[in-house]
Amino acid sequence: MSHTLGIRQAQKQKTRQALLDAALGLLEEQSLSSLGLREVTRAVGVAPTAFYRHFRSTADLGVALVEEALGSLHPMIRTMVSTTGDSEERIARAVELIAGHVRAHPAHVRFLARERHGGVQPVREAIRSQLARFTEEVRAGLAQDPVSAGWDDDDLLMLAGLYVDQMLMTASLFLETLDAPEEERARVTRVAARQMRLISIGRRHWLD
């Protein structure tokens, strides 16, 4: 019996992931607010009623996509606020990590960029909540850095928010240059590094 339940559970998980993958593919060309569940189930090859075994609505599916899209960012966030290496090394590593993430997950990045200010409220709120968690995670990392000595929590949280916003903006820039010539990608890399350097310089002199 337990073996049969295990097979059913695995199949259910496989169908759920197929629905997520199909939706993500369809969202390459449209917003979540215009996506119909019949489009998604047709792409997977299941009946529309099967959708409701996994998600309450397309908004619920969108929230699941937010969790999937942002879940892989935690290791990158931790590396970005790492205290190892000098400032230039850390900036170069952060920009490289963001570029690599965009190359590996362009559909996720495009989905987040579009839906962060999109028309589906539960998804906007899910993105906002996840980004708040990232910001707090970055704040905690920054607090361990000797450069942050003397900073209060509010200022650290503000700085963390700048880093998170910069990360998202940089990801969007790299997304736009995925098919661009190498010199354009190099230009975006230089601009992203300069923007992070500006934040870093301001950080070092904030308490002056």
N, C-alpha and C. Protein backbone atom coordinates (compact mmCIF):
# COMPACT_ATOMS: atom_id res chain seq x y z
N MET A 1 0.83 -1.21 0.00
CA MET A 1 0.00 0.00 0.00
C MET A 1 0.86 1.26 0.00
N SER A 2 1.89 1.28 0.88
CA SER A 2 2.75 2.45 0.96
C SER A 2 3.49 2.67 -0.35
N HIS A 3 3.84 1.55 -1.03
CA HIS A 3 4.52 1.66 -2.33
C HIS A 3 3.60 2.33 -3.35
N THR A 4 2.34 1.91 -3.34
CA THR A 4 1.36 2.49 -4.27
C THR A 4 1.16 3.97 -3.99
N LEU A 5 1.08 4.32 -2.70
CA LEU A 5 0.92 5.73 -2.34
C LEU A 5 2.13 6.54 -2.77
N GLY A 6 3.31 5.91 -2.65
CA GLY A 6 4.53 6.61 -3.06
C GLY A 6 4.54 6.90 -4.55
N ILE A 7 4.06 5.92 -5.33
CA ILE A 7 3.99 6.11 -6.78
C ILE A 7 3.01 7.22 -7.13
N ARG A 8 1.85 7.20 -6.46
CA ARG A 8 0.84 8.23 -6.73
C ARG A 8 1.36 9.62 -6.35
N GLN A 9 2.05 9.68 -5.22
CA GLN A 9 2.58 10.97 -4.78
C GLN A 9 3.64 11.48 -5.77
N ALA A 10 4.47 10.58 -6.26
CA ALA A 10 5.50 10.97 -7.23
C ALA A 10 4.85 11.46 -8.53
N GLN A 11 3.79 10.78 -8.95
CA GLN A 11 3.09 11.18 -10.16
C GLN A 11 2.41 12.54 -9.98
N LYS A 12 1.84 12.73 -8.79
CA LYS A 12 1.20 14.01 -8.50
C LYS A 12 2.22 15.14 -8.53
N GLN A 13 3.38 14.90 -7.95
CA GLN A 13 4.44 15.91 -7.95
C GLN A 13 4.94 16.18 -9.37
N LYS A 14 5.03 15.12 -10.17
CA LYS A 14 5.47 15.27 -11.56
C LYS A 14 4.49 16.13 -12.35
N THR A 15 3.18 15.90 -12.15
CA THR A 15 2.16 16.69 -12.85
C THR A 15 2.20 18.14 -12.38
N ARG A 16 2.37 18.35 -11.08
CA ARG A 16 2.44 19.71 -10.55
C ARG A 16 3.61 20.46 -11.16
N GLN A 17 4.77 19.80 -11.24
CA GLN A 17 5.94 20.46 -11.81
C GLN A 17 5.73 20.74 -13.30
N ALA A 18 5.05 19.81 -13.97
CA ALA A 18 4.76 20.01 -15.40
C ALA A 18 3.88 21.23 -15.61
N LEU A 19 2.91 21.44 -14.72
CA LEU A 19 2.04 22.61 -14.80
C LEU A 19 2.85 23.90 -14.57
N LEU A 20 3.75 23.86 -13.61
CA LEU A 20 4.61 25.02 -13.34
C LEU A 20 5.50 25.32 -14.55
N ASP A 21 6.10 24.28 -15.10
CA ASP A 21 6.99 24.48 -16.24
C ASP A 21 6.23 25.00 -17.46
N ALA A 22 5.04 24.46 -17.68
CA ALA A 22 4.24 24.90 -18.82
C ALA A 22 3.83 26.36 -18.65
N ALA A 23 3.40 26.72 -17.45
CA ALA A 23 3.01 28.11 -17.19
C ALA A 23 4.18 29.05 -17.39
N LEU A 24 5.34 28.66 -16.90
CA LEU A 24 6.52 29.51 -17.05
C LEU A 24 6.85 29.72 -18.52
N GLY A 25 6.71 28.67 -19.31
CA GLY A 25 6.95 28.81 -20.74
C GLY A 25 5.95 29.74 -21.40
N LEU A 26 4.69 29.61 -21.05
CA LEU A 26 3.66 30.47 -21.61
C LEU A 26 3.84 31.92 -21.18
N LEU A 27 4.39 32.12 -20.00
CA LEU A 27 4.56 33.48 -19.47
C LEU A 27 5.76 34.20 -20.09
N GLU A 28 6.49 33.51 -20.97
CA GLU A 28 7.55 34.18 -21.70
C GLU A 28 6.97 35.29 -22.59
N GLU A 29 5.73 35.09 -23.02
CA GLU A 29 5.13 36.01 -24.00
C GLU A 29 3.91 36.76 -23.48
N GLN A 30 3.54 36.56 -22.21
CA GLN A 30 2.36 37.24 -21.67
C GLN A 30 2.48 37.37 -20.17
N SER A 31 1.58 38.16 -19.59
CA SER A 31 1.57 38.35 -18.15
C SER A 31 0.68 37.30 -17.49
N LEU A 32 0.86 37.13 -16.21
CA LEU A 32 0.08 36.14 -15.48
C LEU A 32 -1.41 36.49 -15.49
N SER A 33 -1.73 37.78 -15.48
CA SER A 33 -3.13 38.19 -15.45
C SER A 33 -3.89 37.77 -16.70
N SER A 34 -3.18 37.52 -17.79
CA SER A 34 -3.84 37.11 -19.04
C SER A 34 -3.75 35.61 -19.27
N LEU A 35 -3.10 34.90 -18.37
CA LEU A 35 -2.91 33.45 -18.55
C LEU A 35 -4.16 32.69 -18.10
N GLY A 36 -4.64 31.79 -18.94
CA GLY A 36 -5.79 30.97 -18.58
C GLY A 36 -5.36 29.57 -18.18
N LEU A 37 -6.05 28.99 -17.22
CA LEU A 37 -5.66 27.65 -16.77
C LEU A 37 -5.81 26.61 -17.87
N ARG A 38 -6.76 26.85 -18.80
CA ARG A 38 -6.93 25.90 -19.91
C ARG A 38 -5.70 25.90 -20.82
N GLU A 39 -5.07 27.07 -20.97
CA GLU A 39 -3.82 27.12 -21.73
C GLU A 39 -2.77 26.22 -21.10
N VAL A 40 -2.70 26.31 -19.77
CA VAL A 40 -1.68 25.56 -19.04
C VAL A 40 -1.95 24.06 -19.13
N THR A 41 -3.19 23.67 -18.86
CA THR A 41 -3.50 22.23 -18.88
C THR A 41 -3.39 21.66 -20.28
N ARG A 42 -3.73 22.47 -21.28
CA ARG A 42 -3.60 22.00 -22.67
C ARG A 42 -2.13 21.74 -23.00
N ALA A 43 -1.25 22.61 -22.51
CA ALA A 43 0.18 22.44 -22.77
C ALA A 43 0.73 21.18 -22.10
N VAL A 44 0.15 20.81 -20.96
CA VAL A 44 0.61 19.62 -20.22
C VAL A 44 -0.07 18.36 -20.74
N GLY A 45 -1.28 18.54 -21.30
CA GLY A 45 -2.02 17.38 -21.78
C GLY A 45 -2.87 16.74 -20.72
N VAL A 46 -3.40 17.56 -19.78
CA VAL A 46 -4.30 17.05 -18.75
C VAL A 46 -5.61 17.82 -18.82
N ALA A 47 -6.64 17.26 -18.21
CA ALA A 47 -7.94 17.91 -18.20
C ALA A 47 -7.90 19.16 -17.32
N PRO A 48 -8.68 20.20 -17.65
CA PRO A 48 -8.70 21.42 -16.82
C PRO A 48 -9.00 21.14 -15.36
N THR A 49 -9.85 20.13 -15.09
CA THR A 49 -10.17 19.83 -13.69
C THR A 49 -8.95 19.35 -12.92
N ALA A 50 -7.97 18.78 -13.63
CA ALA A 50 -6.76 18.29 -12.96
C ALA A 50 -5.96 19.44 -12.35
N PHE A 51 -6.12 20.62 -12.92
CA PHE A 51 -5.39 21.80 -12.42
C PHE A 51 -5.68 22.02 -10.95
N TYR A 52 -6.96 21.84 -10.57
CA TYR A 52 -7.38 22.16 -9.21
C TYR A 52 -6.93 21.14 -8.17
N ARG A 53 -6.35 20.05 -8.60
CA ARG A 53 -5.75 19.12 -7.65
C ARG A 53 -4.41 19.65 -7.14
N HIS A 54 -3.91 20.68 -7.81
CA HIS A 54 -2.58 21.19 -7.48
C HIS A 54 -2.59 22.66 -7.08
N PHE A 55 -3.48 23.45 -7.69
CA PHE A 55 -3.52 24.89 -7.43
C PHE A 55 -4.97 25.36 -7.36
N ARG A 56 -5.22 26.33 -6.49
CA ARG A 56 -6.58 26.86 -6.34
C ARG A 56 -6.95 27.77 -7.51
N SER A 57 -5.94 28.40 -8.11
CA SER A 57 -6.18 29.38 -9.18
C SER A 57 -4.87 29.65 -9.89
N THR A 58 -4.92 30.43 -10.97
CA THR A 58 -3.68 30.80 -11.63
C THR A 58 -2.84 31.71 -10.73
N ALA A 59 -3.49 32.48 -9.86
CA ALA A 59 -2.74 33.30 -8.90
C ALA A 59 -1.97 32.41 -7.93
N ASP A 60 -2.60 31.32 -7.49
CA ASP A 60 -1.94 30.36 -6.60
C ASP A 60 -0.74 29.73 -7.31
N LEU A 61 -0.91 29.40 -8.58
CA LEU A 61 0.19 28.88 -9.38
C LEU A 61 1.30 29.93 -9.47
N GLY A 62 0.92 31.18 -9.65
CA GLY A 62 1.91 32.25 -9.72
C GLY A 62 2.72 32.38 -8.45
N VAL A 63 2.07 32.22 -7.30
CA VAL A 63 2.79 32.28 -6.02
C VAL A 63 3.79 31.14 -5.93
N ALA A 64 3.39 29.96 -6.41
CA ALA A 64 4.31 28.81 -6.43
C ALA A 64 5.51 29.10 -7.33
N LEU A 65 5.27 29.78 -8.45
CA LEU A 65 6.37 30.15 -9.34
C LEU A 65 7.31 31.15 -8.67
N VAL A 66 6.76 32.05 -7.87
CA VAL A 66 7.60 33.00 -7.13
C VAL A 66 8.53 32.24 -6.20
N GLU A 67 7.98 31.28 -5.46
CA GLU A 67 8.80 30.49 -4.53
C GLU A 67 9.88 29.73 -5.27
N GLU A 68 9.53 29.19 -6.43
CA GLU A 68 10.50 28.44 -7.23
C GLU A 68 11.58 29.37 -7.78
N ALA A 69 11.15 30.53 -8.29
CA ALA A 69 12.08 31.45 -8.93
C ALA A 69 13.05 32.09 -7.94
N LEU A 70 12.57 32.41 -6.76
CA LEU A 70 13.42 33.10 -5.78
C LEU A 70 14.16 32.14 -4.85
N GLY A 71 13.70 30.90 -4.78
CA GLY A 71 14.33 29.96 -3.87
C GLY A 71 15.81 29.74 -4.14
N SER A 72 16.19 29.74 -5.42
CA SER A 72 17.57 29.47 -5.78
C SER A 72 18.49 30.67 -5.54
N LEU A 73 17.93 31.81 -5.15
CA LEU A 73 18.74 33.01 -4.96
C LEU A 73 19.45 33.04 -3.60
N HIS A 74 19.01 32.23 -2.66
CA HIS A 74 19.60 32.31 -1.32
C HIS A 74 21.11 32.09 -1.31
N PRO A 75 21.63 31.05 -1.99
CA PRO A 75 23.10 30.89 -1.99
C PRO A 75 23.81 32.09 -2.61
N MET A 76 23.21 32.67 -3.66
CA MET A 76 23.83 33.83 -4.30
C MET A 76 23.84 35.02 -3.36
N ILE A 77 22.74 35.22 -2.63
CA ILE A 77 22.68 36.32 -1.66
C ILE A 77 23.77 36.16 -0.62
N ARG A 78 23.93 34.95 -0.09
CA ARG A 78 24.94 34.72 0.94
C ARG A 78 26.34 35.01 0.41
N THR A 79 26.60 34.62 -0.84
CA THR A 79 27.91 34.87 -1.42
C THR A 79 28.13 36.36 -1.65
N MET A 80 27.09 37.07 -2.05
CA MET A 80 27.21 38.50 -2.31
C MET A 80 27.62 39.28 -1.07
N VAL A 81 27.17 38.85 0.09
CA VAL A 81 27.49 39.60 1.32
C VAL A 81 28.62 38.93 2.08
N SER A 82 29.30 38.00 1.45
CA SER A 82 30.44 37.34 2.09
C SER A 82 31.50 38.37 2.45
N THR A 83 32.17 38.16 3.56
CA THR A 83 33.21 39.09 4.00
C THR A 83 34.58 38.68 3.48
N THR A 84 34.67 37.62 2.69
CA THR A 84 35.96 37.19 2.15
C THR A 84 36.31 37.99 0.91
N GLY A 85 37.60 38.32 0.79
CA GLY A 85 38.07 39.09 -0.36
C GLY A 85 37.91 40.58 -0.15
N ASP A 86 38.65 41.37 -0.96
CA ASP A 86 38.51 42.82 -0.84
C ASP A 86 37.26 43.28 -1.59
N SER A 87 36.99 44.57 -1.52
CA SER A 87 35.75 45.11 -2.08
C SER A 87 35.61 44.81 -3.57
N GLU A 88 36.68 45.01 -4.32
CA GLU A 88 36.62 44.78 -5.77
C GLU A 88 36.36 43.31 -6.10
N GLU A 89 36.98 42.42 -5.34
CA GLU A 89 36.76 40.99 -5.57
C GLU A 89 35.32 40.62 -5.29
N ARG A 90 34.77 41.16 -4.24
CA ARG A 90 33.38 40.85 -3.87
C ARG A 90 32.41 41.38 -4.91
N ILE A 91 32.68 42.58 -5.42
CA ILE A 91 31.82 43.16 -6.44
C ILE A 91 31.88 42.31 -7.72
N ALA A 92 33.08 41.95 -8.14
CA ALA A 92 33.24 41.14 -9.35
C ALA A 92 32.54 39.80 -9.20
N ARG A 93 32.66 39.20 -8.00
CA ARG A 93 32.02 37.91 -7.75
C ARG A 93 30.50 38.04 -7.79
N ALA A 94 29.98 39.12 -7.21
CA ALA A 94 28.53 39.32 -7.19
C ALA A 94 27.98 39.49 -8.60
N VAL A 95 28.65 40.31 -9.41
CA VAL A 95 28.18 40.54 -10.78
C VAL A 95 28.24 39.25 -11.59
N GLU A 96 29.30 38.49 -11.40
CA GLU A 96 29.43 37.21 -12.11
C GLU A 96 28.33 36.24 -11.70
N LEU A 97 28.01 36.21 -10.42
CA LEU A 97 26.96 35.32 -9.93
C LEU A 97 25.59 35.70 -10.52
N ILE A 98 25.31 36.99 -10.56
CA ILE A 98 24.02 37.45 -11.10
C ILE A 98 23.93 37.10 -12.59
N ALA A 99 25.00 37.36 -13.33
CA ALA A 99 25.00 37.04 -14.76
C ALA A 99 24.79 35.55 -14.98
N GLY A 100 25.46 34.74 -14.16
CA GLY A 100 25.31 33.29 -14.29
C GLY A 100 23.91 32.82 -13.97
N HIS A 101 23.31 33.44 -12.98
CA HIS A 101 21.93 33.06 -12.61
C HIS A 101 20.96 33.41 -13.73
N VAL A 102 21.15 34.55 -14.36
CA VAL A 102 20.27 34.95 -15.46
C VAL A 102 20.42 33.98 -16.63
N ARG A 103 21.66 33.60 -16.93
CA ARG A 103 21.88 32.65 -18.03
C ARG A 103 21.23 31.30 -17.73
N ALA A 104 21.26 30.90 -16.46
CA ALA A 104 20.72 29.59 -16.09
C ALA A 104 19.20 29.60 -15.95
N HIS A 105 18.63 30.75 -15.55
CA HIS A 105 17.19 30.81 -15.27
C HIS A 105 16.54 32.04 -15.90
N PRO A 106 16.67 32.24 -17.20
CA PRO A 106 16.11 33.46 -17.81
C PRO A 106 14.60 33.58 -17.67
N ALA A 107 13.88 32.46 -17.77
CA ALA A 107 12.42 32.53 -17.67
C ALA A 107 11.98 32.96 -16.28
N HIS A 108 12.66 32.47 -15.26
CA HIS A 108 12.33 32.87 -13.88
C HIS A 108 12.59 34.36 -13.69
N VAL A 109 13.73 34.84 -14.18
CA VAL A 109 14.07 36.26 -14.01
C VAL A 109 13.06 37.13 -14.75
N ARG A 110 12.68 36.71 -15.95
CA ARG A 110 11.70 37.48 -16.73
C ARG A 110 10.34 37.51 -16.02
N PHE A 111 9.94 36.38 -15.47
CA PHE A 111 8.68 36.30 -14.74
C PHE A 111 8.68 37.27 -13.56
N LEU A 112 9.75 37.27 -12.78
CA LEU A 112 9.82 38.14 -11.61
C LEU A 112 9.84 39.61 -12.01
N ALA A 113 10.60 39.93 -13.06
CA ALA A 113 10.68 41.32 -13.50
C ALA A 113 9.32 41.84 -13.95
N ARG A 114 8.55 40.97 -14.61
CA ARG A 114 7.24 41.39 -15.12
C ARG A 114 6.19 41.45 -14.00
N GLU A 115 6.21 40.44 -13.12
CA GLU A 115 5.12 40.33 -12.14
C GLU A 115 5.37 41.07 -10.84
N ARG A 116 6.59 41.58 -10.64
CA ARG A 116 6.87 42.33 -9.41
C ARG A 116 5.93 43.51 -9.27
N HIS A 117 5.58 44.10 -10.39
CA HIS A 117 4.64 45.23 -10.38
C HIS A 117 3.44 44.91 -11.28
N GLY A 118 3.12 43.64 -11.41
CA GLY A 118 2.04 43.20 -12.28
C GLY A 118 0.67 43.33 -11.65
N GLY A 119 -0.31 42.76 -12.35
CA GLY A 119 -1.70 42.96 -11.96
C GLY A 119 -2.29 41.90 -11.06
N VAL A 120 -1.49 40.94 -10.61
CA VAL A 120 -2.01 39.87 -9.76
C VAL A 120 -1.51 40.10 -8.33
N GLN A 121 -2.41 40.58 -7.48
CA GLN A 121 -2.00 41.02 -6.14
C GLN A 121 -1.32 39.95 -5.31
N PRO A 122 -1.85 38.71 -5.22
CA PRO A 122 -1.16 37.70 -4.39
C PRO A 122 0.27 37.45 -4.84
N VAL A 123 0.51 37.55 -6.14
CA VAL A 123 1.86 37.33 -6.65
C VAL A 123 2.75 38.52 -6.30
N ARG A 124 2.24 39.73 -6.47
CA ARG A 124 3.01 40.91 -6.05
C ARG A 124 3.38 40.81 -4.58
N GLU A 125 2.42 40.42 -3.76
CA GLU A 125 2.67 40.32 -2.32
C GLU A 125 3.67 39.22 -2.01
N ALA A 126 3.60 38.11 -2.75
CA ALA A 126 4.55 37.01 -2.53
C ALA A 126 5.96 37.46 -2.88
N ILE A 127 6.11 38.18 -3.99
CA ILE A 127 7.43 38.68 -4.37
C ILE A 127 7.93 39.67 -3.33
N ARG A 128 7.05 40.57 -2.89
CA ARG A 128 7.44 41.55 -1.89
C ARG A 128 7.88 40.86 -0.60
N SER A 129 7.14 39.84 -0.19
CA SER A 129 7.47 39.11 1.03
C SER A 129 8.81 38.40 0.91
N GLN A 130 9.04 37.74 -0.23
CA GLN A 130 10.30 37.04 -0.43
C GLN A 130 11.47 38.02 -0.47
N LEU A 131 11.29 39.16 -1.12
CA LEU A 131 12.36 40.15 -1.18
C LEU A 131 12.65 40.74 0.19
N ALA A 132 11.61 40.88 1.01
CA ALA A 132 11.82 41.35 2.38
C ALA A 132 12.66 40.35 3.16
N ARG A 133 12.42 39.06 2.93
CA ARG A 133 13.24 38.02 3.57
C ARG A 133 14.68 38.12 3.11
N PHE A 134 14.88 38.33 1.80
CA PHE A 134 16.24 38.48 1.28
C PHE A 134 16.92 39.69 1.90
N THR A 135 16.18 40.78 2.00
CA THR A 135 16.74 42.00 2.56
C THR A 135 17.18 41.77 4.00
N GLU A 136 16.37 41.07 4.77
CA GLU A 136 16.73 40.76 6.15
C GLU A 136 17.95 39.84 6.19
N GLU A 137 18.01 38.90 5.26
CA GLU A 137 19.16 37.99 5.20
C GLU A 137 20.44 38.76 4.89
N VAL A 138 20.33 39.70 3.95
CA VAL A 138 21.49 40.53 3.63
C VAL A 138 21.87 41.41 4.81
N ARG A 139 20.86 41.98 5.49
CA ARG A 139 21.16 42.81 6.68
C ARG A 139 21.94 42.03 7.71
N ALA A 140 21.50 40.79 7.97
CA ALA A 140 22.19 39.96 8.96
C ALA A 140 23.63 39.69 8.53
N GLY A 141 23.84 39.48 7.22
CA GLY A 141 25.20 39.25 6.73
C GLY A 141 26.05 40.50 6.85
N LEU A 142 25.48 41.64 6.50
CA LEU A 142 26.23 42.90 6.59
C LEU A 142 26.61 43.23 8.03
N ALA A 143 25.74 42.85 8.96
CA ALA A 143 26.01 43.16 10.37
C ALA A 143 27.26 42.45 10.88
N GLN A 144 27.63 41.34 10.22
CA GLN A 144 28.82 40.58 10.64
C GLN A 144 30.11 41.15 10.06
N ASP A 145 29.98 42.06 9.11
CA ASP A 145 31.15 42.62 8.43
C ASP A 145 31.75 43.73 9.30
N PRO A 146 33.07 43.72 9.53
CA PRO A 146 33.70 44.79 10.32
C PRO A 146 33.42 46.20 9.78
N VAL A 147 33.18 46.33 8.48
CA VAL A 147 32.89 47.64 7.90
C VAL A 147 31.61 48.22 8.48
N SER A 148 30.74 47.35 9.02
CA SER A 148 29.45 47.80 9.55
C SER A 148 29.51 48.21 11.01
N ALA A 149 30.68 48.22 11.59
CA ALA A 149 30.82 48.60 13.00
C ALA A 149 30.25 50.01 13.22
N GLY A 150 29.35 50.13 14.19
CA GLY A 150 28.76 51.41 14.51
C GLY A 150 27.45 51.70 13.79
N TRP A 151 27.08 50.86 12.84
CA TRP A 151 25.82 51.06 12.12
C TRP A 151 24.64 50.60 12.97
N ASP A 152 23.52 51.32 12.89
CA ASP A 152 22.32 50.84 13.57
C ASP A 152 21.52 49.96 12.62
N ASP A 153 20.54 49.24 13.17
CA ASP A 153 19.80 48.26 12.38
C ASP A 153 19.02 48.90 11.23
N ASP A 154 18.45 50.08 11.45
CA ASP A 154 17.68 50.73 10.39
C ASP A 154 18.56 51.06 9.19
N ASP A 155 19.77 51.56 9.45
CA ASP A 155 20.67 51.89 8.35
C ASP A 155 21.16 50.63 7.64
N LEU A 156 21.41 49.57 8.40
CA LEU A 156 21.82 48.31 7.79
C LEU A 156 20.71 47.75 6.90
N LEU A 157 19.47 47.89 7.36
CA LEU A 157 18.34 47.40 6.58
C LEU A 157 18.20 48.23 5.29
N MET A 158 18.42 49.54 5.38
CA MET A 158 18.38 50.39 4.20
C MET A 158 19.46 49.98 3.21
N LEU A 159 20.66 49.74 3.71
CA LEU A 159 21.76 49.31 2.84
C LEU A 159 21.45 47.96 2.20
N ALA A 160 20.91 47.05 2.99
CA ALA A 160 20.55 45.73 2.46
C ALA A 160 19.53 45.87 1.33
N GLY A 161 18.57 46.77 1.51
CA GLY A 161 17.57 47.00 0.47
C GLY A 161 18.20 47.53 -0.81
N LEU A 162 19.22 48.38 -0.67
CA LEU A 162 19.92 48.88 -1.85
C LEU A 162 20.59 47.75 -2.60
N TYR A 163 21.21 46.85 -1.86
CA TYR A 163 21.89 45.71 -2.50
C TYR A 163 20.89 44.80 -3.21
N VAL A 164 19.77 44.53 -2.58
CA VAL A 164 18.78 43.65 -3.18
C VAL A 164 18.18 44.30 -4.43
N ASP A 165 17.85 45.59 -4.35
CA ASP A 165 17.32 46.30 -5.51
C ASP A 165 18.34 46.32 -6.65
N GLN A 166 19.61 46.53 -6.29
CA GLN A 166 20.66 46.55 -7.30
C GLN A 166 20.81 45.18 -7.95
N MET A 167 20.68 44.12 -7.16
CA MET A 167 20.76 42.77 -7.69
C MET A 167 19.67 42.54 -8.73
N LEU A 168 18.45 42.96 -8.41
CA LEU A 168 17.33 42.77 -9.34
C LEU A 168 17.49 43.61 -10.60
N MET A 169 17.96 44.84 -10.44
CA MET A 169 18.16 45.70 -11.60
C MET A 169 19.26 45.14 -12.50
N THR A 170 20.32 44.65 -11.88
CA THR A 170 21.41 44.06 -12.66
C THR A 170 20.94 42.81 -13.40
N ALA A 171 20.12 42.00 -12.73
CA ALA A 171 19.58 40.80 -13.38
C ALA A 171 18.74 41.18 -14.59
N SER A 172 17.95 42.24 -14.48
CA SER A 172 17.12 42.69 -15.60
C SER A 172 17.98 43.17 -16.76
N LEU A 173 19.08 43.85 -16.45
CA LEU A 173 19.99 44.32 -17.50
C LEU A 173 20.63 43.15 -18.23
N PHE A 174 21.07 42.16 -17.48
CA PHE A 174 21.67 40.98 -18.11
C PHE A 174 20.64 40.21 -18.94
N LEU A 175 19.40 40.20 -18.46
CA LEU A 175 18.34 39.51 -19.20
C LEU A 175 18.16 40.12 -20.59
N GLU A 176 18.26 41.44 -20.66
CA GLU A 176 18.07 42.15 -21.93
C GLU A 176 19.22 41.91 -22.91
N THR A 177 20.35 41.42 -22.39
CA THR A 177 21.53 41.26 -23.26
C THR A 177 21.87 39.79 -23.51
N LEU A 178 20.96 38.88 -23.22
CA LEU A 178 21.25 37.46 -23.40
C LEU A 178 21.66 37.14 -24.83
N ASP A 179 21.02 37.77 -25.80
CA ASP A 179 21.32 37.50 -27.21
C ASP A 179 22.10 38.64 -27.85
N ALA A 180 22.63 39.53 -27.02
CA ALA A 180 23.36 40.68 -27.54
C ALA A 180 24.82 40.31 -27.81
N PRO A 181 25.52 41.12 -28.59
CA PRO A 181 26.95 40.88 -28.83
C PRO A 181 27.74 40.90 -27.53
N GLU A 182 28.89 40.28 -27.54
CA GLU A 182 29.73 40.18 -26.34
C GLU A 182 30.10 41.55 -25.79
N GLU A 183 30.35 42.51 -26.68
CA GLU A 183 30.73 43.84 -26.20
C GLU A 183 29.62 44.51 -25.41
N GLU A 184 28.35 44.23 -25.76
CA GLU A 184 27.23 44.79 -25.02
C GLU A 184 27.12 44.15 -23.64
N ARG A 185 27.32 42.85 -23.57
CA ARG A 185 27.30 42.17 -22.26
C ARG A 185 28.45 42.67 -21.39
N ALA A 186 29.60 42.92 -22.01
CA ALA A 186 30.75 43.44 -21.25
C ALA A 186 30.44 44.83 -20.72
N ARG A 187 29.74 45.63 -21.53
CA ARG A 187 29.38 46.98 -21.09
C ARG A 187 28.44 46.91 -19.88
N VAL A 188 27.45 46.02 -19.92
CA VAL A 188 26.53 45.86 -18.80
C VAL A 188 27.28 45.40 -17.55
N THR A 189 28.25 44.52 -17.73
CA THR A 189 29.06 44.06 -16.60
C THR A 189 29.80 45.22 -15.96
N ARG A 190 30.39 46.09 -16.79
CA ARG A 190 31.12 47.24 -16.26
C ARG A 190 30.18 48.20 -15.53
N VAL A 191 29.02 48.46 -16.12
CA VAL A 191 28.05 49.37 -15.49
C VAL A 191 27.59 48.80 -14.15
N ALA A 192 27.26 47.51 -14.11
CA ALA A 192 26.80 46.87 -12.87
C ALA A 192 27.86 46.96 -11.79
N ALA A 193 29.12 46.73 -12.17
CA ALA A 193 30.21 46.80 -11.19
C ALA A 193 30.38 48.22 -10.67
N ARG A 194 30.26 49.21 -11.54
CA ARG A 194 30.39 50.61 -11.10
C ARG A 194 29.26 50.99 -10.16
N GLN A 195 28.05 50.53 -10.45
CA GLN A 195 26.92 50.85 -9.57
C GLN A 195 27.11 50.23 -8.19
N MET A 196 27.58 48.99 -8.15
CA MET A 196 27.83 48.36 -6.86
C MET A 196 29.00 49.04 -6.14
N ARG A 197 29.97 49.49 -6.92
CA ARG A 197 31.11 50.18 -6.31
C ARG A 197 30.65 51.48 -5.66
N LEU A 198 29.70 52.15 -6.29
CA LEU A 198 29.17 53.40 -5.73
C LEU A 198 28.50 53.14 -4.38
N ILE A 199 27.71 52.06 -4.30
CA ILE A 199 27.09 51.70 -3.03
C ILE A 199 28.16 51.39 -1.99
N SER A 200 29.20 50.66 -2.41
CA SER A 200 30.27 50.27 -1.50
C SER A 200 31.01 51.49 -0.96
N ILE A 201 31.29 52.47 -1.83
CA ILE A 201 31.99 53.69 -1.38
C ILE A 201 31.12 54.46 -0.39
N GLY A 202 29.84 54.59 -0.72
CA GLY A 202 28.93 55.26 0.21
C GLY A 202 28.87 54.56 1.56
N ARG A 203 28.90 53.25 1.52
CA ARG A 203 28.87 52.47 2.76
C ARG A 203 30.08 52.77 3.64
N ARG A 204 31.26 52.81 3.02
CA ARG A 204 32.48 53.03 3.80
C ARG A 204 32.52 54.41 4.46
N HIS A 205 31.82 55.38 3.85
CA HIS A 205 31.88 56.74 4.36
C HIS A 205 30.58 57.20 5.03
N TRP A 206 29.65 56.29 5.24
CA TRP A 206 28.34 56.66 5.77
C TRP A 206 28.44 57.31 7.15
N LEU A 207 29.33 56.82 7.97
CA LEU A 207 29.46 57.32 9.35
C LEU A 207 30.44 58.48 9.49
N ASP A 208 31.01 58.94 8.37
CA ASP A 208 31.98 60.05 8.45
C ASP A 208 31.31 61.31 8.99
